[in-house]
N, C-alpha and C. Protein backbone atom coordinates (compact mmCIF):
# COMPACT_ATOMS: atom_id res chain seq x y z
N MET A 1 106.91 107.93 87.43
CA MET A 1 106.90 109.25 86.21
C MET A 1 108.70 108.90 85.17
N VAL A 2 109.64 108.53 86.15
CA VAL A 2 110.86 108.71 85.49
C VAL A 2 110.99 107.62 85.07
N LEU A 3 110.64 106.42 85.28
CA LEU A 3 110.92 105.01 84.82
C LEU A 3 109.86 105.05 83.54
N VAL A 4 108.85 105.73 83.29
CA VAL A 4 107.96 106.05 82.25
C VAL A 4 108.51 106.55 81.24
N THR A 5 109.22 107.63 81.66
CA THR A 5 109.99 108.53 80.61
C THR A 5 111.22 107.60 80.13
N LEU A 6 112.01 107.15 81.05
CA LEU A 6 113.18 106.05 80.50
C LEU A 6 112.60 105.02 79.61
N PHE A 7 111.80 104.55 79.85
CA PHE A 7 111.23 103.14 79.07
C PHE A 7 110.64 103.62 77.77
N SER A 8 109.90 104.85 77.90
CA SER A 8 109.43 105.41 76.53
C SER A 8 110.47 106.15 75.59
N LEU A 9 111.61 106.48 76.11
CA LEU A 9 112.49 107.21 75.36
C LEU A 9 113.78 106.78 75.06
N PHE A 10 113.81 105.23 75.57
CA PHE A 10 115.49 104.99 75.41
C PHE A 10 115.03 104.02 74.50
N SER A 11 116.13 104.02 73.78
CA SER A 11 116.36 102.95 72.53
C SER A 11 116.82 101.58 72.82
N PHE A 12 115.75 100.42 72.50
CA PHE A 12 116.06 99.04 72.69
C PHE A 12 116.50 98.10 71.36
N SER A 13 117.13 99.13 70.63
CA SER A 13 117.31 98.43 69.49
C SER A 13 118.41 97.47 69.01
N GLY A 14 119.40 97.28 70.46
CA GLY A 14 120.23 96.45 70.58
C GLY A 14 119.85 95.47 71.38
N VAL A 15 118.71 95.55 72.17
CA VAL A 15 118.35 94.42 72.96
C VAL A 15 117.64 93.33 72.04
N ASP A 16 118.27 91.78 72.46
CA ASP A 16 117.41 90.84 71.58
C ASP A 16 116.21 90.92 72.21
N SER A 17 115.21 90.76 71.34
CA SER A 17 113.79 90.37 71.66
C SER A 17 113.30 89.13 71.26
N SER A 18 114.14 88.09 70.39
CA SER A 18 113.90 87.27 69.51
C SER A 18 112.94 86.19 70.43
N GLY A 19 112.78 86.03 71.58
CA GLY A 19 112.38 85.18 72.22
C GLY A 19 111.06 85.61 72.78
N PHE A 20 110.66 87.02 72.59
CA PHE A 20 109.54 87.35 72.85
C PHE A 20 108.23 87.65 71.54
N LYS A 21 107.29 87.07 71.19
CA LYS A 21 106.71 87.00 69.94
C LYS A 21 104.97 87.58 70.04
N ILE A 22 104.98 88.06 71.14
CA ILE A 22 103.39 88.32 71.69
C ILE A 22 102.85 89.26 70.78
N PRO A 23 101.68 89.39 70.26
CA PRO A 23 101.46 90.60 69.44
C PRO A 23 101.00 91.63 70.18
N HIS A 24 101.13 92.74 69.97
CA HIS A 24 100.54 93.90 70.83
C HIS A 24 101.13 93.90 72.24
N LEU A 25 102.21 93.35 72.31
CA LEU A 25 102.60 93.25 73.69
C LEU A 25 102.78 94.67 74.42
N ASP A 26 103.34 95.58 73.54
CA ASP A 26 103.67 96.49 74.07
C ASP A 26 102.66 97.86 74.30
N LYS A 27 101.23 97.38 73.68
CA LYS A 27 99.92 97.92 73.95
C LYS A 27 99.79 97.96 75.59
N ALA A 28 99.91 96.35 75.85
CA ALA A 28 99.58 95.96 77.28
C ALA A 28 100.55 96.83 78.34
N VAL A 29 101.85 97.08 77.70
CA VAL A 29 102.93 97.47 78.83
C VAL A 29 102.22 99.02 78.93
N HIS A 30 102.07 99.92 77.84
CA HIS A 30 101.66 101.38 77.94
C HIS A 30 100.39 101.24 78.72
N PHE A 31 99.49 100.53 78.52
CA PHE A 31 98.23 100.35 79.43
C PHE A 31 98.56 100.14 80.99
N THR A 32 99.71 99.09 81.30
CA THR A 32 99.96 98.82 82.47
C THR A 32 100.59 100.35 83.48
N PHE A 33 101.47 100.52 82.19
CA PHE A 33 102.22 101.86 82.85
C PHE A 33 101.41 103.20 83.43
N TYR A 34 100.18 103.26 82.40
CA TYR A 34 99.72 104.56 82.69
C TYR A 34 98.49 104.13 83.69
N PHE A 35 98.00 102.98 83.94
CA PHE A 35 97.29 102.59 85.02
C PHE A 35 97.65 102.59 86.49
N VAL A 36 98.99 102.12 86.72
CA VAL A 36 99.76 102.18 87.78
C VAL A 36 99.75 103.70 87.85
N MET A 37 100.65 104.69 86.93
CA MET A 37 100.68 106.06 87.28
C MET A 37 99.72 106.63 88.17
N VAL A 38 98.60 106.45 87.42
CA VAL A 38 97.24 106.92 87.99
C VAL A 38 96.91 106.36 89.43
N VAL A 39 96.93 105.19 89.62
CA VAL A 39 96.77 104.78 91.12
C VAL A 39 97.59 105.34 91.67
N LEU A 40 98.91 105.28 91.85
CA LEU A 40 99.56 105.83 92.81
C LEU A 40 100.07 107.02 92.76
N ALA A 41 99.81 108.15 91.68
CA ALA A 41 99.38 109.06 92.21
C ALA A 41 98.29 109.42 92.99
N PHE A 42 97.06 108.76 92.83
CA PHE A 42 96.04 109.22 93.74
C PHE A 42 96.29 108.64 95.07
N LEU A 43 96.91 107.39 95.12
CA LEU A 43 97.39 106.93 96.58
C LEU A 43 98.47 107.87 97.23
N ALA A 44 99.38 108.54 96.41
CA ALA A 44 100.35 109.32 96.87
C ALA A 44 99.74 110.55 97.87
N ASN A 45 98.44 110.90 97.69
CA ASN A 45 97.82 112.04 98.54
C ASN A 45 97.15 111.52 100.00
N GLY A 46 97.39 110.29 100.34
CA GLY A 46 97.28 109.72 101.61
C GLY A 46 95.91 109.14 101.78
N LYS A 47 95.71 108.55 102.73
CA LYS A 47 94.01 107.69 102.99
C LYS A 47 93.31 109.08 103.66
N GLU A 48 93.45 110.07 104.48
CA GLU A 48 92.79 111.11 104.74
C GLU A 48 92.34 112.15 103.44
N LYS A 49 93.33 112.25 102.57
CA LYS A 49 93.22 113.34 101.47
C LYS A 49 92.43 112.30 100.62
N SER A 50 92.17 110.82 100.27
CA SER A 50 91.63 110.47 99.40
C SER A 50 90.24 110.01 99.34
N GLN A 51 89.51 110.68 100.54
CA GLN A 51 87.79 110.80 100.43
C GLN A 51 87.22 112.04 100.41
N GLY A 52 85.96 112.47 100.14
CA GLY A 52 85.40 113.18 99.78
C GLY A 52 85.46 113.88 98.55
N ARG A 53 85.00 115.04 98.33
CA ARG A 53 84.74 115.54 96.87
C ARG A 53 85.88 116.29 96.21
N GLY A 54 86.56 116.76 97.48
CA GLY A 54 88.07 117.34 96.44
C GLY A 54 88.85 116.19 96.04
N SER A 55 88.71 114.99 96.30
CA SER A 55 89.28 114.10 95.89
C SER A 55 89.05 113.31 94.38
N ALA A 56 87.49 113.74 94.26
CA ALA A 56 87.39 113.38 92.74
C ALA A 56 87.84 114.55 91.51
N ASN A 57 88.02 115.63 91.92
CA ASN A 57 88.37 116.34 91.43
C ASN A 57 89.90 116.26 91.12
N LEU A 58 90.69 116.01 92.22
CA LEU A 58 92.22 115.64 92.14
C LEU A 58 92.30 114.56 90.97
N LEU A 59 91.30 113.25 91.22
CA LEU A 59 91.43 112.34 90.25
C LEU A 59 91.51 112.52 89.08
N TRP A 60 90.55 113.60 88.57
CA TRP A 60 90.35 113.91 87.21
C TRP A 60 91.40 114.67 86.56
N TYR A 61 91.79 115.63 87.83
CA TYR A 61 93.26 116.42 87.57
C TYR A 61 94.57 115.36 87.04
N ILE A 62 94.57 114.03 87.80
CA ILE A 62 95.57 113.26 87.53
C ILE A 62 95.32 112.47 86.16
N VAL A 63 94.12 112.23 86.10
CA VAL A 63 93.90 111.47 84.63
C VAL A 63 94.24 112.27 83.33
N LEU A 64 94.01 113.54 83.80
CA LEU A 64 94.05 114.50 82.77
C LEU A 64 95.27 114.87 82.49
N PHE A 65 96.27 114.81 83.61
CA PHE A 65 97.59 114.75 83.44
C PHE A 65 98.21 113.37 82.36
N ALA A 66 97.95 112.74 83.11
CA ALA A 66 98.49 111.30 82.45
C ALA A 66 98.19 111.15 81.18
N ILE A 67 96.99 111.27 80.76
CA ILE A 67 96.80 111.55 79.44
C ILE A 67 97.58 112.47 78.51
N SER A 68 97.59 113.58 78.63
CA SER A 68 98.44 114.66 78.46
C SER A 68 100.14 114.66 78.03
N TYR A 69 100.46 113.48 79.03
CA TYR A 69 101.71 113.28 79.48
C TYR A 69 102.30 112.36 78.43
N GLY A 70 101.17 111.36 78.12
CA GLY A 70 101.07 110.22 77.27
C GLY A 70 101.41 110.35 75.97
N ILE A 71 100.62 111.61 75.64
CA ILE A 71 100.57 112.42 74.36
C ILE A 71 101.70 113.03 74.01
N MET A 72 102.31 113.64 75.06
CA MET A 72 103.72 114.50 74.72
C MET A 72 104.90 113.46 74.73
N ILE A 73 104.70 112.25 75.22
CA ILE A 73 105.94 111.15 75.30
C ILE A 73 105.87 110.67 73.63
N GLU A 74 104.75 110.49 73.28
CA GLU A 74 104.64 109.79 71.69
C GLU A 74 105.22 110.80 70.94
N VAL A 75 104.90 112.41 70.88
CA VAL A 75 105.27 113.33 69.99
C VAL A 75 106.84 113.32 70.48
N LEU A 76 107.33 113.31 71.37
CA LEU A 76 108.69 113.33 71.86
C LEU A 76 109.59 111.89 71.21
N GLN A 77 108.74 110.50 71.01
CA GLN A 77 109.33 109.89 70.67
C GLN A 77 109.58 110.25 68.90
N HIS A 78 108.65 110.76 68.63
CA HIS A 78 108.46 110.97 67.01
C HIS A 78 109.41 111.76 66.50
N VAL A 79 109.77 113.05 67.41
CA VAL A 79 110.67 114.17 67.22
C VAL A 79 112.00 114.20 67.73
N ALA A 80 112.06 113.62 68.90
CA ALA A 80 113.58 113.70 69.16
C ALA A 80 114.22 112.27 69.72
N THR A 81 113.96 111.37 68.68
CA THR A 81 114.61 110.22 68.89
C THR A 81 114.62 109.69 67.54
N VAL A 82 115.89 108.86 67.47
CA VAL A 82 116.31 108.24 65.87
C VAL A 82 115.81 106.96 65.62
N ASP A 83 115.64 106.06 66.83
CA ASP A 83 114.87 104.62 66.11
C ASP A 83 113.72 104.55 66.83
N ARG A 84 113.00 105.71 67.48
CA ARG A 84 111.81 105.34 67.77
C ARG A 84 110.78 106.31 67.29
N TYR A 85 109.20 105.76 67.53
CA TYR A 85 108.34 106.90 66.46
C TYR A 85 107.28 106.83 67.46
N GLY A 86 106.33 107.74 67.44
CA GLY A 86 105.54 107.78 67.93
C GLY A 86 104.40 107.24 67.19
N ASP A 87 103.43 106.39 68.00
CA ASP A 87 102.37 105.74 67.45
C ASP A 87 101.14 106.32 68.43
N PRO A 88 99.94 106.48 67.49
CA PRO A 88 98.64 107.06 68.00
C PRO A 88 98.01 105.82 68.81
N PHE A 89 98.31 104.52 68.65
CA PHE A 89 97.71 103.54 69.10
C PHE A 89 98.18 103.28 70.43
N ASP A 90 99.51 104.03 70.72
CA ASP A 90 100.12 103.81 72.31
C ASP A 90 99.64 104.95 72.80
N ALA A 91 99.34 106.06 72.31
CA ALA A 91 98.73 106.96 73.51
C ALA A 91 97.49 106.30 73.59
N LEU A 92 96.63 106.01 72.78
CA LEU A 92 95.27 105.41 73.09
C LEU A 92 95.39 104.47 74.25
N ALA A 93 96.41 103.19 73.96
CA ALA A 93 96.52 102.56 75.12
C ALA A 93 97.09 103.32 76.49
N ASN A 94 97.54 104.52 76.41
CA ASN A 94 98.23 105.14 77.55
C ASN A 94 96.77 105.71 78.39
N SER A 95 96.16 106.27 77.24
CA SER A 95 94.62 106.75 77.69
C SER A 95 93.78 105.99 78.63
N VAL A 96 93.67 104.84 77.85
CA VAL A 96 92.80 103.92 78.28
C VAL A 96 93.30 103.22 79.65
N GLY A 97 94.71 102.94 79.88
CA GLY A 97 94.98 102.37 81.10
C GLY A 97 94.83 103.86 82.19
N ALA A 98 95.12 104.97 81.71
CA ALA A 98 94.93 106.04 82.77
C ALA A 98 93.30 105.96 83.17
N ILE A 99 92.56 105.86 82.06
CA ILE A 99 91.07 105.89 82.66
C ILE A 99 90.50 104.77 83.42
N THR A 100 91.31 103.54 83.14
CA THR A 100 90.78 102.21 83.99
C THR A 100 91.49 102.54 84.95
N GLY A 101 92.24 103.00 85.22
CA GLY A 101 92.95 103.55 86.78
C GLY A 101 91.76 104.28 87.53
N MET A 102 91.44 105.45 87.21
CA MET A 102 90.48 106.13 87.41
C MET A 102 89.23 105.26 87.98
N LEU A 103 88.95 104.45 86.78
CA LEU A 103 87.57 103.77 87.26
C LEU A 103 87.55 102.92 88.53
N LEU A 104 88.73 102.22 88.62
CA LEU A 104 89.05 101.50 89.93
C LEU A 104 89.16 102.29 90.93
N ILE A 105 90.04 103.22 90.98
CA ILE A 105 89.89 104.23 91.85
C ILE A 105 88.69 104.70 92.82
N ARG A 106 87.76 105.20 91.55
CA ARG A 106 86.22 105.37 91.81
C ARG A 106 85.67 104.45 92.37
N TYR A 107 86.08 103.05 92.16
CA TYR A 107 84.79 102.11 92.36
C TYR A 107 85.19 101.34 93.82
N VAL A 108 86.72 101.58 94.16
CA VAL A 108 87.16 101.20 95.38
C VAL A 108 87.38 102.37 96.35
N PHE A 109 87.25 103.78 96.25
CA PHE A 109 87.76 104.81 97.20
C PHE A 109 86.40 105.50 97.24
N LEU A 110 85.81 106.16 96.09
CA LEU A 110 85.15 107.24 95.89
C LEU A 110 83.55 107.04 96.10
N ARG A 111 83.20 105.67 96.17
CA ARG A 111 81.94 105.46 95.69
C ARG A 111 81.25 105.39 97.29
N GLU A 112 79.61 105.81 97.12
CA GLU A 112 79.48 105.97 98.61
C GLU A 112 79.19 104.71 99.17
N ARG A 113 79.38 104.24 100.29
CA ARG A 113 78.97 103.19 100.80
C ARG A 113 77.76 103.41 101.64
N SER A 114 76.79 102.28 101.59
CA SER A 114 75.42 102.21 102.38
C SER A 114 75.91 101.15 103.69
N LEU A 115 74.67 101.05 104.33
CA LEU A 115 75.05 100.69 105.50
C LEU A 115 73.66 99.45 105.81
N LYS A 116 73.42 98.85 104.56
CA LYS A 116 72.57 97.78 104.46
C LYS A 116 73.81 96.48 104.71
């Protein structure tokens, strides 16, 4: 969380990025940050807590927090920084990353396993 906040609010205006001209790379970074955030938050509860009905509710809370946090960071970029600006597409990339992390967790940890 600290790294996401620092990277989101820190000014990179003095950093030379002339060697990197990959279109929409920042959206992939936003997606990755929030994907990893959701997965790590879920796994931080331990394996014994990652099973059962309560864990599905916990996962929803984690995803809703991540999406809300991403929107808040974009608003802060717009109002509290000089050379950064809030981008609705960054918030969308954050949300898609969080939801994709949730889907992975549901597939890996929360699905019903058959005995076939």
